[in-house]
Amino acid sequence: MLNNDKKYVDKFIGGTIYQAFLNPFNYHRWHSPINGTIEKAYLQKGLYFTQVNSIGEDPSAQEQSQAYLTNVETRALIFIKADNPKIGTICIMPVGMVEIGSCNINKHIKPGHKVKKGDELGFFAYGGSTHCLFFEPNVIKKFKYKKNNFVKLGQIIAEVNE
């Protein structure tokens, strides 16, 4: 998922990953979930319109293939060092699922750029997609939602350990 970037893979081992699905009718722009500084941001090209063969035809519109898709399809990787030291560094990873090969990072999202919670980071050009948030170990105390609940832009998704 993290393109074998040892610096970041090691940082997130034992941490938490939050993943959510966006259907074609959801909002498809990405916003910073925290205040912080961009450490690194780039596009990782990947496969196009693929799904894992072991599950066969996926009647849930690729829901069962999401773990596979996050490893092989086009995705953006945006690493943000949080202003809050309890959060550390996070990674936002939007993934263009299936027929979506367009992850568009805004031109100002470069190392050293300061972002505030809610600032736009980029967007998908079309369709259904998924995204992941990576947290270092011992950052997340508990999530504030239940599985399959619709999460709106700006809604708090988790509590941080004190």
N, C-alpha and C. Protein backbone atom coordinates (compact mmCIF):
# COMPACT_ATOMS: atom_id res chain seq x y z
N MET A 1 0.82 -1.20 0.00
CA MET A 1 0.00 0.00 0.00
C MET A 1 0.86 1.26 0.00
N LEU A 2 1.94 1.24 0.74
CA LEU A 2 2.80 2.42 0.87
C LEU A 2 3.99 2.38 -0.08
N ASN A 3 3.87 1.59 -1.14
CA ASN A 3 4.88 1.56 -2.19
C ASN A 3 6.26 1.15 -1.66
N ASN A 4 6.29 0.30 -0.65
CA ASN A 4 7.53 -0.21 -0.06
C ASN A 4 8.48 0.89 0.43
N ASP A 5 7.94 2.03 0.81
CA ASP A 5 8.74 3.13 1.34
C ASP A 5 9.07 2.82 2.80
N LYS A 6 10.27 2.28 3.03
CA LYS A 6 10.66 1.75 4.34
C LYS A 6 10.48 2.77 5.46
N LYS A 7 10.80 4.02 5.22
CA LYS A 7 10.65 5.06 6.25
C LYS A 7 9.23 5.09 6.78
N TYR A 8 8.26 5.03 5.88
CA TYR A 8 6.87 5.12 6.31
C TYR A 8 6.27 3.78 6.68
N VAL A 9 6.64 2.72 6.00
CA VAL A 9 6.15 1.39 6.37
C VAL A 9 6.50 1.12 7.83
N ASP A 10 7.75 1.32 8.21
CA ASP A 10 8.18 1.08 9.59
C ASP A 10 7.44 1.97 10.58
N LYS A 11 7.17 3.20 10.21
CA LYS A 11 6.48 4.15 11.08
C LYS A 11 5.06 3.69 11.42
N PHE A 12 4.40 3.01 10.47
CA PHE A 12 3.00 2.64 10.66
C PHE A 12 2.80 1.18 11.11
N ILE A 13 3.86 0.39 11.20
CA ILE A 13 3.72 -0.99 11.67
C ILE A 13 3.12 -0.97 13.08
N GLY A 14 2.05 -1.74 13.28
CA GLY A 14 1.37 -1.80 14.57
C GLY A 14 0.38 -0.67 14.78
N GLY A 15 0.23 0.18 13.77
CA GLY A 15 -0.71 1.30 13.86
C GLY A 15 -2.11 0.91 13.42
N THR A 16 -2.88 1.90 13.04
CA THR A 16 -4.28 1.70 12.67
C THR A 16 -4.51 2.23 11.26
N ILE A 17 -5.31 1.49 10.49
CA ILE A 17 -5.72 1.97 9.17
C ILE A 17 -7.24 2.06 9.15
N TYR A 18 -7.73 3.22 8.76
CA TYR A 18 -9.16 3.45 8.56
C TYR A 18 -9.39 3.44 7.05
N GLN A 19 -10.37 2.67 6.58
CA GLN A 19 -10.68 2.64 5.15
C GLN A 19 -12.16 2.88 4.95
N ALA A 20 -12.48 3.67 3.94
CA ALA A 20 -13.88 3.95 3.61
C ALA A 20 -14.07 3.90 2.10
N PHE A 21 -15.27 3.56 1.70
CA PHE A 21 -15.65 3.44 0.29
C PHE A 21 -16.47 4.66 -0.11
N LEU A 22 -16.21 5.17 -1.31
CA LEU A 22 -17.01 6.25 -1.88
C LEU A 22 -17.74 5.70 -3.10
N ASN A 23 -19.05 5.78 -3.10
CA ASN A 23 -19.75 5.34 -4.31
C ASN A 23 -19.78 6.51 -5.29
N PRO A 24 -20.22 6.28 -6.52
CA PRO A 24 -20.17 7.34 -7.53
C PRO A 24 -20.94 8.61 -7.17
N PHE A 25 -21.85 8.54 -6.23
CA PHE A 25 -22.67 9.71 -5.88
C PHE A 25 -22.12 10.48 -4.68
N ASN A 26 -21.03 10.00 -4.07
CA ASN A 26 -20.42 10.69 -2.93
C ASN A 26 -19.50 11.82 -3.40
N TYR A 27 -19.17 12.69 -2.48
CA TYR A 27 -18.23 13.79 -2.70
C TYR A 27 -16.85 13.20 -2.95
N HIS A 28 -16.15 13.65 -3.99
CA HIS A 28 -14.89 13.03 -4.40
C HIS A 28 -13.69 13.98 -4.35
N ARG A 29 -13.66 14.83 -3.36
CA ARG A 29 -12.49 15.69 -3.11
C ARG A 29 -11.92 15.29 -1.77
N TRP A 30 -10.60 15.42 -1.63
CA TRP A 30 -9.94 15.00 -0.40
C TRP A 30 -9.54 16.24 0.39
N HIS A 31 -9.73 16.16 1.70
CA HIS A 31 -9.43 17.28 2.58
C HIS A 31 -8.56 16.78 3.73
N SER A 32 -7.72 17.66 4.24
CA SER A 32 -6.85 17.29 5.35
C SER A 32 -7.69 17.03 6.60
N PRO A 33 -7.48 15.89 7.26
CA PRO A 33 -8.21 15.61 8.50
C PRO A 33 -7.56 16.26 9.73
N ILE A 34 -6.38 16.87 9.55
CA ILE A 34 -5.64 17.45 10.68
C ILE A 34 -4.93 18.73 10.25
N ASN A 35 -4.46 19.48 11.24
CA ASN A 35 -3.53 20.59 11.00
C ASN A 35 -2.13 20.00 10.99
N GLY A 36 -1.31 20.42 10.03
CA GLY A 36 0.05 19.89 9.98
C GLY A 36 0.84 20.39 8.79
N THR A 37 1.94 19.71 8.53
CA THR A 37 2.86 20.07 7.45
C THR A 37 3.04 18.87 6.52
N ILE A 38 2.94 19.11 5.23
CA ILE A 38 3.14 18.04 4.24
C ILE A 38 4.61 17.59 4.31
N GLU A 39 4.82 16.30 4.51
CA GLU A 39 6.17 15.73 4.48
C GLU A 39 6.51 15.22 3.08
N LYS A 40 5.52 14.59 2.45
CA LYS A 40 5.73 13.98 1.14
C LYS A 40 4.36 13.79 0.50
N ALA A 41 4.28 13.96 -0.83
CA ALA A 41 3.02 13.75 -1.54
C ALA A 41 3.34 13.36 -2.99
N TYR A 42 2.80 12.24 -3.42
CA TYR A 42 3.05 11.81 -4.80
C TYR A 42 1.97 10.84 -5.26
N LEU A 43 1.96 10.61 -6.56
CA LEU A 43 1.03 9.68 -7.19
C LEU A 43 1.76 8.39 -7.49
N GLN A 44 1.17 7.26 -7.10
CA GLN A 44 1.70 5.94 -7.42
C GLN A 44 0.79 5.33 -8.49
N LYS A 45 1.29 5.24 -9.71
CA LYS A 45 0.51 4.64 -10.79
C LYS A 45 0.26 3.17 -10.49
N GLY A 46 -0.84 2.66 -10.98
CA GLY A 46 -1.18 1.27 -10.72
C GLY A 46 -2.01 0.67 -11.83
N LEU A 47 -2.63 -0.46 -11.52
CA LEU A 47 -3.47 -1.17 -12.47
C LEU A 47 -4.79 -0.43 -12.66
N TYR A 48 -5.52 -0.87 -13.66
CA TYR A 48 -6.77 -0.22 -14.04
C TYR A 48 -7.84 -1.30 -14.21
N PHE A 49 -8.96 -1.13 -13.58
CA PHE A 49 -10.11 -2.03 -13.68
C PHE A 49 -9.73 -3.47 -13.39
N THR A 50 -9.31 -3.72 -12.16
CA THR A 50 -8.90 -5.06 -11.76
C THR A 50 -9.64 -5.45 -10.48
N GLN A 51 -9.78 -6.73 -10.26
CA GLN A 51 -10.28 -7.22 -8.98
C GLN A 51 -9.65 -8.58 -8.72
N VAL A 52 -9.70 -8.99 -7.46
CA VAL A 52 -9.04 -10.21 -7.06
C VAL A 52 -9.82 -11.43 -7.58
N ASN A 53 -9.14 -12.32 -8.30
CA ASN A 53 -9.79 -13.48 -8.91
C ASN A 53 -10.34 -14.47 -7.89
N SER A 54 -9.72 -14.56 -6.72
CA SER A 54 -10.11 -15.58 -5.75
C SER A 54 -11.53 -15.40 -5.23
N ILE A 55 -12.08 -14.20 -5.33
CA ILE A 55 -13.46 -14.02 -4.87
C ILE A 55 -14.45 -14.07 -6.01
N GLY A 56 -13.95 -14.18 -7.25
CA GLY A 56 -14.84 -14.27 -8.40
C GLY A 56 -15.57 -12.95 -8.64
N GLU A 57 -16.72 -13.02 -9.30
CA GLU A 57 -17.52 -11.82 -9.55
C GLU A 57 -17.94 -11.22 -8.23
N ASP A 58 -17.71 -9.93 -8.07
CA ASP A 58 -18.00 -9.25 -6.81
C ASP A 58 -19.33 -8.50 -6.92
N PRO A 59 -20.41 -9.11 -6.45
CA PRO A 59 -21.73 -8.48 -6.58
C PRO A 59 -21.86 -7.20 -5.75
N SER A 60 -20.94 -6.96 -4.85
CA SER A 60 -21.00 -5.77 -3.99
C SER A 60 -20.27 -4.59 -4.62
N ALA A 61 -20.01 -4.66 -5.92
CA ALA A 61 -19.33 -3.58 -6.64
C ALA A 61 -17.94 -3.31 -6.08
N GLN A 62 -17.16 -4.35 -5.95
CA GLN A 62 -15.77 -4.31 -5.53
C GLN A 62 -15.56 -4.13 -4.02
N GLU A 63 -16.61 -4.17 -3.21
CA GLU A 63 -16.44 -4.03 -1.76
C GLU A 63 -15.50 -5.09 -1.21
N GLN A 64 -15.65 -6.33 -1.68
CA GLN A 64 -14.80 -7.41 -1.18
C GLN A 64 -13.37 -7.31 -1.71
N SER A 65 -13.16 -6.54 -2.77
CA SER A 65 -11.83 -6.40 -3.37
C SER A 65 -11.05 -5.19 -2.85
N GLN A 66 -11.60 -4.43 -1.91
CA GLN A 66 -10.94 -3.19 -1.51
C GLN A 66 -9.53 -3.38 -0.96
N ALA A 67 -9.30 -4.42 -0.18
CA ALA A 67 -7.95 -4.64 0.36
C ALA A 67 -6.96 -4.89 -0.78
N TYR A 68 -7.38 -5.66 -1.76
CA TYR A 68 -6.54 -5.93 -2.92
C TYR A 68 -6.29 -4.65 -3.72
N LEU A 69 -7.35 -3.89 -3.97
CA LEU A 69 -7.25 -2.68 -4.79
C LEU A 69 -6.31 -1.65 -4.20
N THR A 70 -6.25 -1.55 -2.88
CA THR A 70 -5.38 -0.56 -2.24
C THR A 70 -3.90 -0.87 -2.45
N ASN A 71 -3.60 -2.06 -2.88
CA ASN A 71 -2.21 -2.46 -3.13
C ASN A 71 -1.79 -2.36 -4.58
N VAL A 72 -2.75 -2.34 -5.51
CA VAL A 72 -2.37 -2.45 -6.92
C VAL A 72 -2.89 -1.33 -7.81
N GLU A 73 -3.89 -0.59 -7.40
CA GLU A 73 -4.47 0.43 -8.27
C GLU A 73 -3.81 1.80 -8.04
N THR A 74 -4.06 2.72 -8.95
CA THR A 74 -3.51 4.07 -8.84
C THR A 74 -3.95 4.71 -7.53
N ARG A 75 -2.98 5.31 -6.82
CA ARG A 75 -3.29 5.92 -5.54
C ARG A 75 -2.37 7.11 -5.29
N ALA A 76 -2.88 8.04 -4.51
CA ALA A 76 -2.07 9.15 -4.05
C ALA A 76 -1.59 8.82 -2.64
N LEU A 77 -0.40 9.24 -2.31
CA LEU A 77 0.15 9.04 -0.96
C LEU A 77 0.54 10.43 -0.45
N ILE A 78 -0.16 10.87 0.59
CA ILE A 78 0.08 12.20 1.16
C ILE A 78 0.39 12.01 2.64
N PHE A 79 1.61 12.34 3.02
CA PHE A 79 2.07 12.19 4.40
C PHE A 79 2.07 13.56 5.06
N ILE A 80 1.40 13.66 6.21
CA ILE A 80 1.29 14.92 6.93
C ILE A 80 1.79 14.74 8.36
N LYS A 81 2.74 15.58 8.75
CA LYS A 81 3.22 15.62 10.14
C LYS A 81 2.26 16.52 10.91
N ALA A 82 1.55 15.96 11.88
CA ALA A 82 0.54 16.70 12.63
C ALA A 82 1.15 17.76 13.53
N ASP A 83 0.46 18.88 13.66
CA ASP A 83 0.86 19.88 14.65
C ASP A 83 0.73 19.31 16.06
N ASN A 84 -0.26 18.44 16.25
CA ASN A 84 -0.48 17.78 17.55
C ASN A 84 0.50 16.61 17.67
N PRO A 85 1.48 16.68 18.58
CA PRO A 85 2.48 15.61 18.69
C PRO A 85 1.88 14.25 19.08
N LYS A 86 0.68 14.23 19.64
CA LYS A 86 0.04 12.96 19.99
C LYS A 86 -0.39 12.19 18.75
N ILE A 87 -0.54 12.89 17.64
CA ILE A 87 -0.95 12.25 16.39
C ILE A 87 0.26 11.79 15.58
N GLY A 88 1.35 12.54 15.62
CA GLY A 88 2.53 12.17 14.84
C GLY A 88 2.31 12.41 13.36
N THR A 89 2.75 11.46 12.54
CA THR A 89 2.56 11.54 11.09
C THR A 89 1.41 10.63 10.69
N ILE A 90 0.59 11.12 9.76
CA ILE A 90 -0.46 10.29 9.18
C ILE A 90 -0.22 10.19 7.68
N CYS A 91 -0.86 9.22 7.07
CA CYS A 91 -0.85 9.11 5.60
C CYS A 91 -2.30 9.07 5.13
N ILE A 92 -2.59 9.88 4.14
CA ILE A 92 -3.89 9.86 3.48
C ILE A 92 -3.64 9.20 2.13
N MET A 93 -4.38 8.13 1.85
CA MET A 93 -4.16 7.40 0.62
C MET A 93 -5.48 7.23 -0.14
N PRO A 94 -5.82 8.18 -1.01
CA PRO A 94 -6.98 8.00 -1.89
C PRO A 94 -6.61 6.98 -2.98
N VAL A 95 -7.54 6.10 -3.32
CA VAL A 95 -7.29 5.06 -4.32
C VAL A 95 -8.36 5.12 -5.39
N GLY A 96 -7.94 5.23 -6.64
CA GLY A 96 -8.88 5.20 -7.76
C GLY A 96 -9.27 3.76 -8.05
N MET A 97 -10.46 3.36 -7.62
CA MET A 97 -10.90 1.97 -7.77
C MET A 97 -11.40 1.67 -9.18
N VAL A 98 -11.13 0.48 -9.61
CA VAL A 98 -11.67 -0.14 -10.81
C VAL A 98 -11.42 0.72 -12.05
N GLU A 99 -12.44 1.50 -12.50
CA GLU A 99 -12.29 2.28 -13.72
C GLU A 99 -11.73 3.68 -13.45
N ILE A 100 -11.41 3.99 -12.20
CA ILE A 100 -10.92 5.32 -11.84
C ILE A 100 -9.40 5.28 -11.80
N GLY A 101 -8.75 5.94 -12.71
CA GLY A 101 -7.30 5.98 -12.71
C GLY A 101 -6.80 7.38 -12.41
N SER A 102 -7.67 8.21 -11.86
CA SER A 102 -7.31 9.62 -11.70
C SER A 102 -7.29 10.05 -10.25
N CYS A 103 -6.12 10.13 -9.67
CA CYS A 103 -5.92 10.74 -8.37
C CYS A 103 -5.17 12.03 -8.66
N ASN A 104 -5.78 13.15 -8.35
CA ASN A 104 -5.22 14.45 -8.70
C ASN A 104 -4.85 15.21 -7.43
N ILE A 105 -3.55 15.32 -7.15
CA ILE A 105 -3.06 16.06 -5.98
C ILE A 105 -2.97 17.53 -6.37
N ASN A 106 -3.53 18.40 -5.52
CA ASN A 106 -3.46 19.83 -5.79
C ASN A 106 -2.01 20.28 -5.88
N LYS A 107 -1.72 21.26 -6.74
CA LYS A 107 -0.35 21.67 -7.04
C LYS A 107 0.40 22.25 -5.84
N HIS A 108 -0.30 22.80 -4.85
CA HIS A 108 0.37 23.38 -3.68
C HIS A 108 0.69 22.35 -2.60
N ILE A 109 0.27 21.12 -2.77
CA ILE A 109 0.52 20.07 -1.77
C ILE A 109 1.90 19.48 -2.03
N LYS A 110 2.90 20.10 -1.41
CA LYS A 110 4.30 19.73 -1.57
C LYS A 110 4.97 19.75 -0.19
N PRO A 111 6.12 19.07 -0.04
CA PRO A 111 6.81 19.08 1.25
C PRO A 111 7.01 20.51 1.79
N GLY A 112 6.70 20.66 3.07
CA GLY A 112 6.85 21.95 3.74
C GLY A 112 5.59 22.80 3.75
N HIS A 113 4.60 22.47 2.91
CA HIS A 113 3.36 23.25 2.86
C HIS A 113 2.52 22.97 4.11
N LYS A 114 2.06 24.02 4.78
CA LYS A 114 1.21 23.89 5.97
C LYS A 114 -0.24 23.71 5.52
N VAL A 115 -0.94 22.77 6.17
CA VAL A 115 -2.36 22.57 5.90
C VAL A 115 -3.13 22.67 7.21
N LYS A 116 -4.37 23.10 7.06
CA LYS A 116 -5.29 23.14 8.20
C LYS A 116 -6.37 22.09 7.96
N LYS A 117 -6.94 21.59 9.03
CA LYS A 117 -8.03 20.63 8.92
C LYS A 117 -9.08 21.22 7.99
N GLY A 118 -9.46 20.45 6.98
CA GLY A 118 -10.46 20.88 6.01
C GLY A 118 -9.89 21.42 4.71
N ASP A 119 -8.59 21.74 4.66
CA ASP A 119 -7.98 22.22 3.41
C ASP A 119 -8.05 21.13 2.35
N GLU A 120 -8.35 21.52 1.12
CA GLU A 120 -8.42 20.54 0.04
C GLU A 120 -7.02 20.08 -0.35
N LEU A 121 -6.86 18.75 -0.48
CA LEU A 121 -5.60 18.15 -0.88
C LEU A 121 -5.60 17.70 -2.33
N GLY A 122 -6.78 17.32 -2.84
CA GLY A 122 -6.88 16.82 -4.20
C GLY A 122 -8.26 16.27 -4.47
N PHE A 123 -8.38 15.49 -5.58
CA PHE A 123 -9.69 14.99 -5.97
C PHE A 123 -9.59 13.82 -6.94
N PHE A 124 -10.67 13.06 -7.03
CA PHE A 124 -10.86 12.05 -8.07
C PHE A 124 -11.66 12.73 -9.19
N ALA A 125 -11.43 12.35 -10.42
CA ALA A 125 -12.15 12.97 -11.53
C ALA A 125 -13.50 12.32 -11.79
N TYR A 126 -13.73 11.10 -11.28
CA TYR A 126 -14.97 10.40 -11.64
C TYR A 126 -15.14 9.17 -10.78
N GLY A 127 -16.39 8.79 -10.52
CA GLY A 127 -16.78 7.47 -10.07
C GLY A 127 -16.53 7.06 -8.64
N GLY A 128 -16.61 5.75 -8.38
CA GLY A 128 -16.44 5.17 -7.06
C GLY A 128 -14.97 4.99 -6.72
N SER A 129 -14.64 5.17 -5.47
CA SER A 129 -13.26 5.13 -5.05
C SER A 129 -13.20 4.68 -3.60
N THR A 130 -11.99 4.56 -3.07
CA THR A 130 -11.80 4.27 -1.67
C THR A 130 -10.67 5.14 -1.15
N HIS A 131 -10.56 5.21 0.15
CA HIS A 131 -9.43 5.94 0.73
C HIS A 131 -9.08 5.32 2.08
N CYS A 132 -7.81 5.47 2.43
CA CYS A 132 -7.31 4.96 3.72
C CYS A 132 -6.61 6.09 4.46
N LEU A 133 -6.70 6.05 5.77
CA LEU A 133 -5.93 6.92 6.65
C LEU A 133 -5.07 6.01 7.51
N PHE A 134 -3.76 6.27 7.52
CA PHE A 134 -2.82 5.48 8.32
C PHE A 134 -2.43 6.29 9.55
N PHE A 135 -2.45 5.63 10.70
CA PHE A 135 -2.05 6.25 11.96
C PHE A 135 -0.94 5.42 12.58
N GLU A 136 0.00 6.08 13.23
CA GLU A 136 1.07 5.39 13.94
C GLU A 136 0.49 4.59 15.11
N PRO A 137 1.28 3.65 15.69
CA PRO A 137 0.80 2.88 16.84
C PRO A 137 0.42 3.79 18.02
N ASN A 138 -0.59 3.37 18.75
CA ASN A 138 -1.04 4.02 19.98
C ASN A 138 -1.56 5.44 19.80
N VAL A 139 -2.01 5.79 18.60
CA VAL A 139 -2.58 7.12 18.36
C VAL A 139 -4.09 7.09 18.57
N ILE A 140 -4.76 6.10 17.99
CA ILE A 140 -6.22 6.05 18.03
C ILE A 140 -6.70 5.35 19.30
N LYS A 141 -7.53 6.05 20.06
CA LYS A 141 -8.13 5.47 21.26
C LYS A 141 -9.35 4.64 20.87
N LYS A 142 -10.26 5.26 20.09
CA LYS A 142 -11.42 4.52 19.59
C LYS A 142 -12.04 5.29 18.43
N PHE A 143 -12.69 4.53 17.56
CA PHE A 143 -13.42 5.14 16.46
C PHE A 143 -14.81 5.53 16.92
N LYS A 144 -15.36 6.58 16.33
CA LYS A 144 -16.63 7.17 16.74
C LYS A 144 -17.81 6.73 15.88
N TYR A 145 -17.65 5.82 14.99
CA TYR A 145 -18.71 5.42 14.08
C TYR A 145 -18.89 3.91 14.14
N LYS A 146 -19.96 3.45 13.58
CA LYS A 146 -20.21 2.02 13.47
C LYS A 146 -20.04 1.61 12.01
N LYS A 147 -19.60 0.39 11.78
CA LYS A 147 -19.39 -0.11 10.44
C LYS A 147 -20.66 0.09 9.61
N ASN A 148 -20.46 0.50 8.37
CA ASN A 148 -21.52 0.75 7.38
C ASN A 148 -22.30 2.04 7.62
N ASN A 149 -21.91 2.85 8.61
CA ASN A 149 -22.52 4.17 8.77
C ASN A 149 -21.94 5.12 7.75
N PHE A 150 -22.74 6.05 7.26
CA PHE A 150 -22.29 7.06 6.32
C PHE A 150 -21.56 8.15 7.10
N VAL A 151 -20.33 8.45 6.72
CA VAL A 151 -19.53 9.47 7.40
C VAL A 151 -19.49 10.71 6.50
N LYS A 152 -19.85 11.86 7.05
CA LYS A 152 -19.89 13.09 6.28
C LYS A 152 -18.58 13.86 6.39
N LEU A 153 -18.30 14.70 5.40
CA LEU A 153 -17.13 15.57 5.41
C LEU A 153 -17.12 16.40 6.69
N GLY A 154 -15.99 16.38 7.37
CA GLY A 154 -15.82 17.16 8.59
C GLY A 154 -16.23 16.45 9.86
N GLN A 155 -16.86 15.28 9.74
CA GLN A 155 -17.30 14.53 10.91
C GLN A 155 -16.09 13.92 11.62
N ILE A 156 -16.07 13.96 12.93
CA ILE A 156 -14.99 13.35 13.71
C ILE A 156 -15.11 11.83 13.60
N ILE A 157 -14.01 11.18 13.20
CA ILE A 157 -14.07 9.72 13.04
C ILE A 157 -13.41 8.96 14.18
N ALA A 158 -12.55 9.64 14.96
CA ALA A 158 -11.83 8.91 16.00
C ALA A 158 -11.41 9.82 17.14
N GLU A 159 -11.12 9.19 18.28
CA GLU A 159 -10.56 9.87 19.45
C GLU A 159 -9.09 9.50 19.54
N VAL A 160 -8.25 10.49 19.87
CA VAL A 160 -6.81 10.28 20.00
C VAL A 160 -6.49 9.93 21.45
N ASN A 161 -5.54 9.02 21.64
CA ASN A 161 -5.07 8.71 23.01
C ASN A 161 -4.45 9.94 23.64
N GLU A 162 -4.68 10.11 24.90
CA GLU A 162 -4.09 11.27 25.61
C GLU A 162 -2.75 10.94 26.17
